[in-house]
């Protein structure tokens, strides 16, 4: 019998800090920024329709979440204030985003740097 994937036990969005806090039944807890969730949206608009077709998301530092809707018993749809709302974040996707946040964020900032796109975390003093 295959292991059951982790399922969220609590999801809280903090409007002021623009973070989504999610706890899973395996004891994992993740706090992800709205920007992180937006630039890693599972939507075709962001990921593309096939390998290597992803589109780098720029100018999303100030993005926020307007609201979150449940999708059945397996996901949520996040509505961002830049009118992006086509990504369906399954529990598995949210778990992987949380578990791999450090590596994903580092790779995103590297892609931004390579593209010459501005981001406050790329500015040098």
PDB file of N, CA and C in Angstrom:
ATOM      1  N   UNK A   1       0.840  -1.183   0.000  1.00  0.00           N
ATOM      2  CA  UNK A   1       0.000   0.000   0.000  1.00  0.00           C
ATOM      3  C   UNK A   1       0.884   1.246   0.000  1.00  0.00           C
ATOM      4  N   UNK A   2       0.591   2.180  -0.884  1.00  0.00           N
ATOM      5  CA  UNK A   2       1.371   3.413  -1.002  1.00  0.00           C
ATOM      6  C   UNK A   2       1.093   4.333   0.179  1.00  0.00           C
ATOM      7  N   UNK A   3       2.115   5.119   0.530  1.00  0.00           N
ATOM      8  CA  UNK A   3       1.935   6.100   1.590  1.00  0.00           C
ATOM      9  C   UNK A   3       0.950   7.161   1.139  1.00  0.00           C
ATOM     10  N   UNK A   4       0.089   7.561   2.069  1.00  0.00           N
ATOM     11  CA  UNK A   4      -0.868   8.629   1.788  1.00  0.00           C
ATOM     12  C   UNK A   4      -0.130   9.962   1.809  1.00  0.00           C
ATOM     13  N   UNK A   5      -0.325  10.815   0.774  1.00  0.00           N
ATOM     14  CA  UNK A   5       0.365  12.114   0.774  1.00  0.00           C
ATOM     15  C   UNK A   5      -0.142  12.992   1.920  1.00  0.00           C
ATOM     16  N   UNK A   6       0.711  13.884   2.414  1.00  0.00           N
ATOM     17  CA  UNK A   6       0.291  14.769   3.498  1.00  0.00           C
ATOM     18  C   UNK A   6      -0.936  15.602   3.105  1.00  0.00           C
ATOM     19  N   UNK A   7      -1.767  15.848   4.082  1.00  0.00           N
ATOM     20  CA  UNK A   7      -2.997  16.616   3.900  1.00  0.00           C
ATOM     21  C   UNK A   7      -2.953  17.788   4.872  1.00  0.00           C
ATOM     22  N   UNK A   8      -3.382  18.992   4.428  1.00  0.00           N
ATOM     23  CA  UNK A   8      -3.329  20.135   5.340  1.00  0.00           C
ATOM     24  C   UNK A   8      -4.325  20.004   6.487  1.00  0.00           C
ATOM     25  N   UNK A   9      -3.896  20.441   7.646  1.00  0.00           N
ATOM     26  CA  UNK A   9      -4.775  20.468   8.811  1.00  0.00           C
ATOM     27  C   UNK A   9      -5.212  21.893   9.132  1.00  0.00           C
ATOM     28  N   UNK A  10      -4.434  22.865   8.623  1.00  0.00           N
ATOM     29  CA  UNK A  10      -4.772  24.269   8.865  1.00  0.00           C
ATOM     30  C   UNK A  10      -4.134  25.134   7.788  1.00  0.00           C
ATOM     31  N   UNK A  11      -4.913  26.090   7.272  1.00  0.00           N
ATOM     32  CA  UNK A  11      -4.410  27.044   6.292  1.00  0.00           C
ATOM     33  C   UNK A  11      -4.828  28.433   6.751  1.00  0.00           C
ATOM     34  N   UNK A  12      -3.859  29.331   6.907  1.00  0.00           N
ATOM     35  CA  UNK A  12      -4.141  30.705   7.331  1.00  0.00           C
ATOM     36  C   UNK A  12      -3.404  31.672   6.424  1.00  0.00           C
ATOM     37  N   UNK A  13      -4.148  32.646   5.922  1.00  0.00           N
ATOM     38  CA  UNK A  13      -3.514  33.697   5.136  1.00  0.00           C
ATOM     39  C   UNK A  13      -3.430  34.941   5.999  1.00  0.00           C
ATOM     40  N   UNK A  14      -2.233  35.527   6.054  1.00  0.00           N
ATOM     41  CA  UNK A  14      -2.001  36.735   6.835  1.00  0.00           C
ATOM     42  C   UNK A  14      -1.849  37.910   5.869  1.00  0.00           C
ATOM     43  N   UNK A  15      -2.898  38.693   5.746  1.00  0.00           N
ATOM     44  CA  UNK A  15      -2.967  39.788   4.769  1.00  0.00           C
ATOM     45  C   UNK A  15      -1.839  40.799   4.957  1.00  0.00           C
ATOM     46  N   UNK A  16      -1.591  41.204   6.183  1.00  0.00           N
ATOM     47  CA  UNK A  16      -0.611  42.253   6.438  1.00  0.00           C
ATOM     48  C   UNK A  16       0.804  41.818   6.044  1.00  0.00           C
ATOM     49  N   UNK A  17       1.193  40.601   6.413  1.00  0.00           N
ATOM     50  CA  UNK A  17       2.539  40.121   6.088  1.00  0.00           C
ATOM     51  C   UNK A  17       2.583  39.424   4.726  1.00  0.00           C
ATOM     52  N   UNK A  18       1.432  39.285   4.090  1.00  0.00           N
ATOM     53  CA  UNK A  18       1.313  38.657   2.765  1.00  0.00           C
ATOM     54  C   UNK A  18       1.924  37.264   2.748  1.00  0.00           C
ATOM     55  N   UNK A  19       1.564  36.464   3.758  1.00  0.00           N
ATOM     56  CA  UNK A  19       2.069  35.094   3.839  1.00  0.00           C
ATOM     57  C   UNK A  19       0.927  34.107   4.040  1.00  0.00           C
ATOM     58  N   UNK A  20       1.135  32.927   3.487  1.00  0.00           N
ATOM     59  CA  UNK A  20       0.205  31.817   3.675  1.00  0.00           C
ATOM     60  C   UNK A  20       0.899  30.817   4.583  1.00  0.00           C
ATOM     61  N   UNK A  21       0.253  30.513   5.683  1.00  0.00           N
ATOM     62  CA  UNK A  21       0.790  29.557   6.643  1.00  0.00           C
ATOM     63  C   UNK A  21      -0.032  28.283   6.522  1.00  0.00           C
ATOM     64  N   UNK A  22       0.658  27.166   6.352  1.00  0.00           N
ATOM     65  CA  UNK A  22      -0.054  25.911   6.155  1.00  0.00           C
ATOM     66  C   UNK A  22       0.593  24.802   6.982  1.00  0.00           C
ATOM     67  N   UNK A  23      -0.244  24.073   7.717  1.00  0.00           N
ATOM     68  CA  UNK A  23       0.214  22.953   8.534  1.00  0.00           C
ATOM     69  C   UNK A  23      -0.322  21.665   7.920  1.00  0.00           C
ATOM     70  N   UNK A  24       0.510  20.633   7.916  1.00  0.00           N
ATOM     71  CA  UNK A  24       0.126  19.340   7.352  1.00  0.00           C
ATOM     72  C   UNK A  24       0.058  18.277   8.436  1.00  0.00           C
ATOM     73  N   UNK A  25      -0.684  17.214   8.126  1.00  0.00           N
ATOM     74  CA  UNK A  25      -0.908  16.156   9.102  1.00  0.00           C
ATOM     75  C   UNK A  25       0.333  15.324   9.418  1.00  0.00           C
ATOM     76  N   UNK A  26       1.439  15.554   8.721  1.00  0.00           N
ATOM     77  CA  UNK A  26       2.679  14.857   9.056  1.00  0.00           C
ATOM     78  C   UNK A  26       3.530  15.698  10.011  1.00  0.00           C
ATOM     79  N   UNK A  27       2.984  16.849  10.455  1.00  0.00           N
ATOM     80  CA  UNK A  27       3.689  17.723  11.380  1.00  0.00           C
ATOM     81  C   UNK A  27       4.445  18.854  10.704  1.00  0.00           C
ATOM     82  N   UNK A  28       4.505  18.851   9.382  1.00  0.00           N
ATOM     83  CA  UNK A  28       5.200  19.920   8.656  1.00  0.00           C
ATOM     84  C   UNK A  28       4.394  21.205   8.703  1.00  0.00           C
ATOM     85  N   UNK A  29       5.106  22.321   8.817  1.00  0.00           N
ATOM     86  CA  UNK A  29       4.501  23.649   8.793  1.00  0.00           C
ATOM     87  C   UNK A  29       5.329  24.518   7.861  1.00  0.00           C
ATOM     88  N   UNK A  30       4.651  25.236   6.967  1.00  0.00           N
ATOM     89  CA  UNK A  30       5.337  26.098   6.021  1.00  0.00           C
ATOM     90  C   UNK A  30       4.681  27.469   6.019  1.00  0.00           C
ATOM     91  N   UNK A  31       5.493  28.498   5.865  1.00  0.00           N
ATOM     92  CA  UNK A  31       5.004  29.861   5.697  1.00  0.00           C
ATOM     93  C   UNK A  31       5.581  30.355   4.385  1.00  0.00           C
ATOM     94  N   UNK A  32       4.701  30.617   3.424  1.00  0.00           N
ATOM     95  CA  UNK A  32       5.125  31.011   2.083  1.00  0.00           C
ATOM     96  C   UNK A  32       4.565  32.381   1.743  1.00  0.00           C
ATOM     97  N   UNK A  33       5.409  33.218   1.144  1.00  0.00           N
ATOM     98  CA  UNK A  33       4.961  34.559   0.777  1.00  0.00           C
ATOM     99  C   UNK A  33       4.038  34.502  -0.435  1.00  0.00           C
ATOM    100  N   UNK A  34       3.213  35.530  -0.570  1.00  0.00           N
ATOM    101  CA  UNK A  34       2.335  35.639  -1.734  1.00  0.00           C
ATOM    102  C   UNK A  34       3.178  35.693  -3.009  1.00  0.00           C
ATOM    103  N   UNK A  35       4.296  36.407  -2.954  1.00  0.00           N
ATOM    104  CA  UNK A  35       5.174  36.493  -4.124  1.00  0.00           C
ATOM    105  C   UNK A  35       5.679  35.112  -4.513  1.00  0.00           C
ATOM    106  N   UNK A  36       6.156  34.343  -3.548  1.00  0.00           N
ATOM    107  CA  UNK A  36       6.658  32.994  -3.811  1.00  0.00           C
ATOM    108  C   UNK A  36       5.578  32.126  -4.456  1.00  0.00           C
ATOM    109  N   UNK A  37       4.387  32.155  -3.892  1.00  0.00           N
ATOM    110  CA  UNK A  37       3.283  31.359  -4.444  1.00  0.00           C
ATOM    111  C   UNK A  37       2.907  31.825  -5.848  1.00  0.00           C
ATOM    112  N   UNK A  38       2.938  33.135  -6.075  1.00  0.00           N
ATOM    113  CA  UNK A  38       2.566  33.681  -7.393  1.00  0.00           C
ATOM    114  C   UNK A  38       3.573  33.296  -8.459  1.00  0.00           C
ATOM    115  N   UNK A  39       4.868  33.432  -8.161  1.00  0.00           N
ATOM    116  CA  UNK A  39       5.875  33.155  -9.184  1.00  0.00           C
ATOM    117  C   UNK A  39       6.067  31.658  -9.420  1.00  0.00           C
ATOM    118  N   UNK A  40       5.535  30.838  -8.510  1.00  0.00           N
ATOM    119  CA  UNK A  40       5.582  29.383  -8.678  1.00  0.00           C
ATOM    120  C   UNK A  40       4.190  28.799  -8.916  1.00  0.00           C
ATOM    121  N   UNK A  41       3.289  29.615  -9.415  1.00  0.00           N
ATOM    122  CA  UNK A  41       1.935  29.152  -9.695  1.00  0.00           C
ATOM    123  C   UNK A  41       1.967  27.922 -10.602  1.00  0.00           C
ATOM    124  N   UNK A  42       1.131  26.940 -10.303  1.00  0.00           N
ATOM    125  CA  UNK A  42       1.077  25.746 -11.155  1.00  0.00           C
ATOM    126  C   UNK A  42       0.307  25.971 -12.462  1.00  0.00           C
ATOM    127  N   UNK A  43      -0.098  27.194 -12.730  1.00  0.00           N
ATOM    128  CA  UNK A  43      -0.872  27.493 -13.941  1.00  0.00           C
ATOM    129  C   UNK A  43      -0.030  27.327 -15.207  1.00  0.00           C
ATOM    130  N   UNK A  44      -0.689  27.066 -16.311  1.00  0.00           N
ATOM    131  CA  UNK A  44      -0.005  26.970 -17.603  1.00  0.00           C
ATOM    132  C   UNK A  44       0.612  28.309 -17.984  1.00  0.00           C
ATOM    133  N   UNK A  45       0.002  29.403 -17.547  1.00  0.00           N
ATOM    134  CA  UNK A  45       0.532  30.745 -17.824  1.00  0.00           C
ATOM    135  C   UNK A  45       1.949  30.900 -17.269  1.00  0.00           C
ATOM    136  N   UNK A  46       2.223  30.278 -16.137  1.00  0.00           N
ATOM    137  CA  UNK A  46       3.531  30.363 -15.492  1.00  0.00           C
ATOM    138  C   UNK A  46       4.413  29.171 -15.879  1.00  0.00           C
ATOM    139  N   UNK A  47       3.867  27.970 -15.804  1.00  0.00           N
ATOM    140  CA  UNK A  47       4.638  26.749 -16.038  1.00  0.00           C
ATOM    141  C   UNK A  47       4.815  26.399 -17.514  1.00  0.00           C
ATOM    142  N   UNK A  48       3.947  26.948 -18.366  1.00  0.00           N
ATOM    143  CA  UNK A  48       3.969  26.566 -19.768  1.00  0.00           C
ATOM    144  C   UNK A  48       3.177  25.285 -19.973  1.00  0.00           C
ATOM    145  N   UNK A  49       3.163  24.812 -21.198  1.00  0.00           N
ATOM    146  CA  UNK A  49       2.389  23.605 -21.520  1.00  0.00           C
ATOM    147  C   UNK A  49       3.274  22.373 -21.664  1.00  0.00           C
ATOM    148  N   UNK A  50       4.572  22.557 -21.464  1.00  0.00           N
ATOM    149  CA  UNK A  50       5.496  21.438 -21.570  1.00  0.00           C
ATOM    150  C   UNK A  50       6.822  21.792 -20.937  1.00  0.00           C
ATOM    151  N   UNK A  51       7.726  20.828 -20.848  1.00  0.00           N
ATOM    152  CA  UNK A  51       9.030  21.063 -20.238  1.00  0.00           C
ATOM    153  C   UNK A  51       9.780  22.215 -20.904  1.00  0.00           C
ATOM    154  N   UNK A  52      10.348  23.087 -20.081  1.00  0.00           N
ATOM    155  CA  UNK A  52      11.137  24.199 -20.583  1.00  0.00           C
ATOM    156  C   UNK A  52      10.341  25.376 -21.113  1.00  0.00           C
ATOM    157  N   UNK A  53       9.018  25.337 -20.967  1.00  0.00           N
ATOM    158  CA  UNK A  53       8.175  26.416 -21.486  1.00  0.00           C
ATOM    159  C   UNK A  53       7.745  27.415 -20.421  1.00  0.00           C
ATOM    160  N   UNK A  54       8.256  27.283 -19.211  1.00  0.00           N
ATOM    161  CA  UNK A  54       7.871  28.187 -18.138  1.00  0.00           C
ATOM    162  C   UNK A  54       8.216  29.636 -18.451  1.00  0.00           C
ATOM    163  N   UNK A  55       7.427  30.534 -17.888  1.00  0.00           N
ATOM    164  CA  UNK A  55       7.607  31.967 -18.113  1.00  0.00           C
ATOM    165  C   UNK A  55       8.039  32.617 -16.798  1.00  0.00           C
ATOM    166  N   UNK A  56       9.199  33.280 -16.829  1.00  0.00           N
ATOM    167  CA  UNK A  56       9.706  33.966 -15.649  1.00  0.00           C
ATOM    168  C   UNK A  56       8.737  35.079 -15.253  1.00  0.00           C
ATOM    169  N   UNK A  57       8.326  35.078 -13.999  1.00  0.00           N
ATOM    170  CA  UNK A  57       7.386  36.073 -13.492  1.00  0.00           C
ATOM    171  C   UNK A  57       8.178  37.210 -12.845  1.00  0.00           C
ATOM    172  N   UNK A  58       8.048  38.407 -13.403  1.00  0.00           N
ATOM    173  CA  UNK A  58       8.769  39.567 -12.871  1.00  0.00           C
ATOM    174  C   UNK A  58       7.776  40.592 -12.316  1.00  0.00           C
ATOM    175  N   UNK A  59       8.295  41.509 -11.515  1.00  0.00           N
ATOM    176  CA  UNK A  59       7.485  42.572 -10.912  1.00  0.00           C
ATOM    177  C   UNK A  59       6.363  42.027 -10.040  1.00  0.00           C
ATOM    178  N   UNK A  60       6.652  40.994  -9.259  1.00  0.00           N
ATOM    179  CA  UNK A  60       5.639  40.396  -8.381  1.00  0.00           C
ATOM    180  C   UNK A  60       5.964  40.591  -6.900  1.00  0.00           C
ATOM    181  N   UNK A  61       6.957  41.455  -6.589  1.00  0.00           N
ATOM    182  CA  UNK A  61       7.360  41.657  -5.196  1.00  0.00           C
ATOM    183  C   UNK A  61       6.229  42.168  -4.305  1.00  0.00           C
ATOM    184  N   UNK A  62       5.337  42.971  -4.874  1.00  0.00           N
ATOM    185  CA  UNK A  62       4.270  43.569  -4.068  1.00  0.00           C
ATOM    186  C   UNK A  62       2.932  42.865  -4.223  1.00  0.00           C
ATOM    187  N   UNK A  63       2.913  41.721  -4.901  1.00  0.00           N
ATOM    188  CA  UNK A  63       1.657  41.012  -5.113  1.00  0.00           C
ATOM    189  C   UNK A  63       1.085  40.538  -3.774  1.00  0.00           C
ATOM    190  N   UNK A  64      -0.221  40.499  -3.710  1.00  0.00           N
ATOM    191  CA  UNK A  64      -0.888  39.999  -2.515  1.00  0.00           C
ATOM    192  C   UNK A  64      -1.993  39.044  -2.950  1.00  0.00           C
ATOM    193  N   UNK A  65      -2.569  38.384  -2.001  1.00  0.00           N
ATOM    194  CA  UNK A  65      -3.663  37.457  -2.253  1.00  0.00           C
ATOM    195  C   UNK A  65      -4.965  38.149  -1.901  1.00  0.00           C
ATOM    196  N   UNK A  66      -5.907  38.136  -2.843  1.00  0.00           N
ATOM    197  CA  UNK A  66      -7.236  38.718  -2.583  1.00  0.00           C
ATOM    198  C   UNK A  66      -8.081  37.738  -1.790  1.00  0.00           C
ATOM    199  N   UNK A  67      -8.141  36.497  -2.269  1.00  0.00           N
ATOM    200  CA  UNK A  67      -8.854  35.466  -1.535  1.00  0.00           C
ATOM    201  C   UNK A  67      -8.462  34.084  -2.032  1.00  0.00           C
ATOM    202  N   UNK A  68      -8.850  33.090  -1.248  1.00  0.00           N
ATOM    203  CA  UNK A  68      -8.516  31.697  -1.530  1.00  0.00           C
ATOM    204  C   UNK A  68      -9.809  30.901  -1.522  1.00  0.00           C
ATOM    205  N   UNK A  69     -10.003  30.085  -2.541  1.00  0.00           N
ATOM    206  CA  UNK A  69     -11.208  29.251  -2.643  1.00  0.00           C
ATOM    207  C   UNK A  69     -10.835  27.780  -2.591  1.00  0.00           C
ATOM    208  N   UNK A  70     -11.583  26.978  -1.846  1.00  0.00           N
ATOM    209  CA  UNK A  70     -11.332  25.542  -1.867  1.00  0.00           C
ATOM    210  C   UNK A  70     -11.738  24.959  -3.223  1.00  0.00           C
ATOM    211  N   UNK A  71     -11.023  23.937  -3.643  1.00  0.00           N
ATOM    212  CA  UNK A  71     -11.352  23.197  -4.868  1.00  0.00           C
ATOM    213  C   UNK A  71     -11.514  21.745  -4.429  1.00  0.00           C
ATOM    214  N   UNK A  72     -12.750  21.330  -4.285  1.00  0.00           N
ATOM    215  CA  UNK A  72     -13.012  19.980  -3.791  1.00  0.00           C
ATOM    216  C   UNK A  72     -12.323  19.747  -2.464  1.00  0.00           C
ATOM    217  N   UNK A  73     -11.842  18.530  -2.276  1.00  0.00           N
ATOM    218  CA  UNK A  73     -11.115  18.171  -1.060  1.00  0.00           C
ATOM    219  C   UNK A  73      -9.634  17.958  -1.341  1.00  0.00           C
ATOM    220  N   UNK A  74      -9.151  18.555  -2.440  1.00  0.00           N
ATOM    221  CA  UNK A  74      -7.786  18.256  -2.846  1.00  0.00           C
ATOM    222  C   UNK A  74      -6.923  19.481  -3.145  1.00  0.00           C
ATOM    223  N   UNK A  75      -7.497  20.696  -3.131  1.00  0.00           N
ATOM    224  CA  UNK A  75      -6.721  21.859  -3.569  1.00  0.00           C
ATOM    225  C   UNK A  75      -7.393  23.163  -3.162  1.00  0.00           C
ATOM    226  N   UNK A  76      -6.662  24.258  -3.458  1.00  0.00           N
ATOM    227  CA  UNK A  76      -7.214  25.604  -3.341  1.00  0.00           C
ATOM    228  C   UNK A  76      -6.861  26.377  -4.606  1.00  0.00           C
ATOM    229  N   UNK A  77      -7.691  27.354  -4.903  1.00  0.00           N
ATOM    230  CA  UNK A  77      -7.409  28.279  -5.994  1.00  0.00           C
ATOM    231  C   UNK A  77      -7.122  29.620  -5.340  1.00  0.00           C
ATOM    232  N   UNK A  78      -5.946  30.165  -5.643  1.00  0.00           N
ATOM    233  CA  UNK A  78      -5.529  31.431  -5.042  1.00  0.00           C
ATOM    234  C   UNK A  78      -5.780  32.551  -6.041  1.00  0.00           C
ATOM    235  N   UNK A  79      -6.483  33.573  -5.588  1.00  0.00           N
ATOM    236  CA  UNK A  79      -6.767  34.758  -6.405  1.00  0.00           C
ATOM    237  C   UNK A  79      -5.836  35.872  -5.948  1.00  0.00           C
ATOM    238  N   UNK A  80      -4.904  36.251  -6.829  1.00  0.00           N
ATOM    239  CA  UNK A  80      -3.929  37.281  -6.515  1.00  0.00           C
ATOM    240  C   UNK A  80      -4.449  38.648  -6.948  1.00  0.00           C
ATOM    241  N   UNK A  81      -3.908  39.707  -6.340  1.00  0.00           N
ATOM    242  CA  UNK A  81      -4.387  41.054  -6.660  1.00  0.00           C
ATOM    243  C   UNK A  81      -3.858  41.595  -7.987  1.00  0.00           C
ATOM    244  N   UNK A  82      -3.040  40.808  -8.705  1.00  0.00           N
ATOM    245  CA  UNK A  82      -2.650  41.188 -10.059  1.00  0.00           C
ATOM    246  C   UNK A  82      -3.551  40.492 -11.088  1.00  0.00           C
ATOM    247  N   UNK A  83      -4.672  39.975 -10.602  1.00  0.00           N
ATOM    248  CA  UNK A  83      -5.710  39.301 -11.388  1.00  0.00           C
ATOM    249  C   UNK A  83      -5.313  37.912 -11.878  1.00  0.00           C
ATOM    250  N   UNK A  84      -4.213  37.353 -11.397  1.00  0.00           N
ATOM    251  CA  UNK A  84      -3.863  35.968 -11.716  1.00  0.00           C
ATOM    252  C   UNK A  84      -4.670  35.062 -10.798  1.00  0.00           C
ATOM    253  N   UNK A  85      -5.389  34.114 -11.386  1.00  0.00           N
ATOM    254  CA  UNK A  85      -6.191  33.206 -10.556  1.00  0.00           C
ATOM    255  C   UNK A  85      -6.405  31.846 -11.221  1.00  0.00           C
ATOM    256  N   UNK A  86      -5.535  31.486 -12.149  1.00  0.00           N
ATOM    257  CA  UNK A  86      -5.767  30.248 -12.893  1.00  0.00           C
ATOM    258  C   UNK A  86      -5.029  29.039 -12.340  1.00  0.00           C
ATOM    259  N   UNK A  87      -4.193  29.223 -11.338  1.00  0.00           N
ATOM    260  CA  UNK A  87      -3.466  28.086 -10.785  1.00  0.00           C
ATOM    261  C   UNK A  87      -4.276  27.357  -9.729  1.00  0.00           C
ATOM    262  N   UNK A  88      -4.321  26.038  -9.843  1.00  0.00           N
ATOM    263  CA  UNK A  88      -4.948  25.204  -8.824  1.00  0.00           C
ATOM    264  C   UNK A  88      -3.815  24.579  -8.002  1.00  0.00           C
ATOM    265  N   UNK A  89      -3.751  24.940  -6.743  1.00  0.00           N
ATOM    266  CA  UNK A  89      -2.701  24.472  -5.849  1.00  0.00           C
ATOM    267  C   UNK A  89      -3.196  23.246  -5.096  1.00  0.00           C
ATOM    268  N   UNK A  90      -2.816  22.075  -5.586  1.00  0.00           N
ATOM    269  CA  UNK A  90      -3.202  20.836  -4.899  1.00  0.00           C
ATOM    270  C   UNK A  90      -2.449  20.766  -3.579  1.00  0.00           C
ATOM    271  N   UNK A  91      -2.907  19.891  -2.683  1.00  0.00           N
ATOM    272  CA  UNK A  91      -2.207  19.732  -1.404  1.00  0.00           C
ATOM    273  C   UNK A  91      -0.773  19.277  -1.672  1.00  0.00           C
ATOM    274  N   UNK A  92      -0.593  18.379  -2.649  1.00  0.00           N
ATOM    275  CA  UNK A  92       0.745  17.898  -2.986  1.00  0.00           C
ATOM    276  C   UNK A  92       1.631  19.048  -3.487  1.00  0.00           C
ATOM    277  N   UNK A  93       1.075  19.912  -4.335  1.00  0.00           N
ATOM    278  CA  UNK A  93       1.824  21.061  -4.846  1.00  0.00           C
ATOM    279  C   UNK A  93       2.230  21.991  -3.711  1.00  0.00           C
ATOM    280  N   UNK A  94       1.292  22.313  -2.818  1.00  0.00           N
ATOM    281  CA  UNK A  94       1.602  23.198  -1.689  1.00  0.00           C
ATOM    282  C   UNK A  94       2.664  22.581  -0.783  1.00  0.00           C
ATOM    283  N   UNK A  95       2.578  21.276  -0.568  1.00  0.00           N
ATOM    284  CA  UNK A  95       3.558  20.594   0.268  1.00  0.00           C
ATOM    285  C   UNK A  95       4.944  20.670  -0.377  1.00  0.00           C
ATOM    286  N   UNK A  96       5.008  20.378  -1.675  1.00  0.00           N
ATOM    287  CA  UNK A  96       6.302  20.427  -2.378  1.00  0.00           C
ATOM    288  C   UNK A  96       6.865  21.848  -2.412  1.00  0.00           C
ATOM    289  N   UNK A  97       5.990  22.838  -2.627  1.00  0.00           N
ATOM    290  CA  UNK A  97       6.449  24.226  -2.610  1.00  0.00           C
ATOM    291  C   UNK A  97       7.025  24.585  -1.244  1.00  0.00           C
ATOM    292  N   UNK A  98       6.362  24.155  -0.182  1.00  0.00           N
ATOM    293  CA  UNK A  98       6.848  24.428   1.167  1.00  0.00           C
ATOM    294  C   UNK A  98       8.136  23.698   1.476  1.00  0.00           C
ATOM    295  N   UNK A  99       8.182  22.415   1.149  1.00  0.00           N
ATOM    296  CA  UNK A  99       9.353  21.590   1.458  1.00  0.00           C
ATOM    297  C   UNK A  99      10.585  22.018   0.664  1.00  0.00           C
ATOM    298  N   UNK A 100      10.383  22.567  -0.516  1.00  0.00           N
ATOM    299  CA  UNK A 100      11.497  22.945  -1.398  1.00  0.00           C
ATOM    300  C   UNK A 100      11.663  24.454  -1.544  1.00  0.00           C
ATOM    301  N   UNK A 101      11.101  25.194  -0.600  1.00  0.00           N
ATOM    302  CA  UNK A 101      11.056  26.641  -0.719  1.00  0.00           C
ATOM    303  C   UNK A 101      12.444  27.271  -0.863  1.00  0.00           C
ATOM    304  N   UNK A 102      13.383  26.873  -0.055  1.00  0.00           N
ATOM    305  CA  UNK A 102      14.716  27.483  -0.093  1.00  0.00           C
ATOM    306  C   UNK A 102      15.372  27.294  -1.468  1.00  0.00           C
ATOM    307  N   UNK A 103      15.352  26.073  -1.986  1.00  0.00           N
ATOM    308  CA  UNK A 103      15.954  25.791  -3.287  1.00  0.00           C
ATOM    309  C   UNK A 103      15.195  26.497  -4.414  1.00  0.00           C
ATOM    310  N   UNK A 104      13.854  26.453  -4.352  1.00  0.00           N
ATOM    311  CA  UNK A 104      13.031  27.094  -5.386  1.00  0.00           C
ATOM    312  C   UNK A 104      13.278  28.601  -5.431  1.00  0.00           C
ATOM    313  N   UNK A 105      13.356  29.217  -4.254  1.00  0.00           N
ATOM    314  CA  UNK A 105      13.528  30.671  -4.186  1.00  0.00           C
ATOM    315  C   UNK A 105      14.906  31.061  -4.714  1.00  0.00           C
ATOM    316  N   UNK A 106      15.919  30.306  -4.331  1.00  0.00           N
ATOM    317  CA  UNK A 106      17.278  30.571  -4.801  1.00  0.00           C
ATOM    318  C   UNK A 106      17.334  30.463  -6.330  1.00  0.00           C
ATOM    319  N   UNK A 107      16.713  29.431  -6.890  1.00  0.00           N
ATOM    320  CA  UNK A 107      16.693  29.246  -8.346  1.00  0.00           C
ATOM    321  C   UNK A 107      15.933  30.378  -9.025  1.00  0.00           C
ATOM    322  N   UNK A 108      14.838  30.829  -8.420  1.00  0.00           N
ATOM    323  CA  UNK A 108      14.058  31.936  -8.977  1.00  0.00           C
ATOM    324  C   UNK A 108      14.896  33.219  -9.017  1.00  0.00           C
ATOM    325  N   UNK A 109      15.563  33.527  -7.922  1.00  0.00           N
ATOM    326  CA  UNK A 109      16.388  34.740  -7.875  1.00  0.00           C
ATOM    327  C   UNK A 109      17.535  34.645  -8.885  1.00  0.00           C
ATOM    328  N   UNK A 110      18.081  33.462  -9.075  1.00  0.00           N
ATOM    329  CA  UNK A 110      19.144  33.287 -10.063  1.00  0.00           C
ATOM    330  C   UNK A 110      18.610  33.536 -11.470  1.00  0.00           C
ATOM    331  N   UNK A 111      17.414  33.040 -11.761  1.00  0.00           N
ATOM    332  CA  UNK A 111      16.797  33.292 -13.072  1.00  0.00           C
ATOM    333  C   UNK A 111      16.528  34.778 -13.269  1.00  0.00           C
ATOM    334  N   UNK A 112      16.092  35.457 -12.217  1.00  0.00           N
ATOM    335  CA  UNK A 112      15.856  36.897 -12.289  1.00  0.00           C
ATOM    336  C   UNK A 112      17.168  37.624 -12.593  1.00  0.00           C
ATOM    337  N   UNK A 113      18.231  37.236 -11.913  1.00  0.00           N
ATOM    338  CA  UNK A 113      19.540  37.857 -12.110  1.00  0.00           C
ATOM    339  C   UNK A 113      20.015  37.652 -13.543  1.00  0.00           C
ATOM    340  N   UNK A 114      19.908  36.418 -14.042  1.00  0.00           N
ATOM    341  CA  UNK A 114      20.330  36.105 -15.412  1.00  0.00           C
ATOM    342  C   UNK A 114      19.536  36.904 -16.442  1.00  0.00           C
ATOM    343  N   UNK A 115      18.262  37.154 -16.135  1.00  0.00           N
ATOM    344  CA  UNK A 115      17.400  37.898 -17.054  1.00  0.00           C
ATOM    345  C   UNK A 115      17.594  39.412 -16.927  1.00  0.00           C
ATOM    346  N   UNK A 116      18.352  39.830 -15.919  1.00  0.00           N
ATOM    347  CA  UNK A 116      18.543  41.259 -15.692  1.00  0.00           C
ATOM    348  C   UNK A 116      17.305  41.929 -15.132  1.00  0.00           C
ATOM    349  N   UNK A 117      16.430  41.132 -14.530  1.00  0.00           N
ATOM    350  CA  UNK A 117      15.185  41.654 -13.967  1.00  0.00           C
ATOM    351  C   UNK A 117      15.448  42.193 -12.562  1.00  0.00           C
ATOM    352  N   UNK A 118      14.855  43.319 -12.214  1.00  0.00           N
ATOM    353  CA  UNK A 118      15.077  43.894 -10.875  1.00  0.00           C
ATOM    354  C   UNK A 118      14.353  43.107  -9.787  1.00  0.00           C
ATOM    355  N   UNK A 119      14.982  43.005  -8.636  1.00  0.00           N
ATOM    356  CA  UNK A 119      14.362  42.409  -7.450  1.00  0.00           C
ATOM    357  C   UNK A 119      15.143  42.922  -6.258  1.00  0.00           C
ATOM    358  N   UNK A 120      14.454  43.302  -5.199  1.00  0.00           N
ATOM    359  CA  UNK A 120      15.122  43.897  -4.047  1.00  0.00           C
ATOM    360  C   UNK A 120      16.162  42.957  -3.451  1.00  0.00           C
ATOM    361  N   UNK A 121      15.978  41.654  -3.536  1.00  0.00           N
ATOM    362  CA  UNK A 121      16.941  40.721  -2.968  1.00  0.00           C
ATOM    363  C   UNK A 121      18.186  40.546  -3.836  1.00  0.00           C
ATOM    364  N   UNK A 122      18.191  41.172  -5.015  1.00  0.00           N
ATOM    365  CA  UNK A 122      19.358  41.105  -5.884  1.00  0.00           C
ATOM    366  C   UNK A 122      20.212  42.359  -5.808  1.00  0.00           C
ATOM    367  N   UNK A 123      19.702  43.385  -5.152  1.00  0.00           N
ATOM    368  CA  UNK A 123      20.451  44.645  -5.040  1.00  0.00           C
ATOM    369  C   UNK A 123      21.640  44.459  -4.131  1.00  0.00           C
ATOM    370  N   UNK A 124      22.748  45.020  -4.538  1.00  0.00           N
ATOM    371  CA  UNK A 124      23.944  44.965  -3.705  1.00  0.00           C
ATOM    372  C   UNK A 124      24.140  46.315  -3.041  1.00  0.00           C
ATOM    373  N   UNK A 125      24.768  46.290  -1.903  1.00  0.00           N
ATOM    374  CA  UNK A 125      24.987  47.528  -1.137  1.00  0.00           C
ATOM    375  C   UNK A 125      26.264  48.189  -1.580  1.00  0.00           C
TER     376      UNK A 125
END
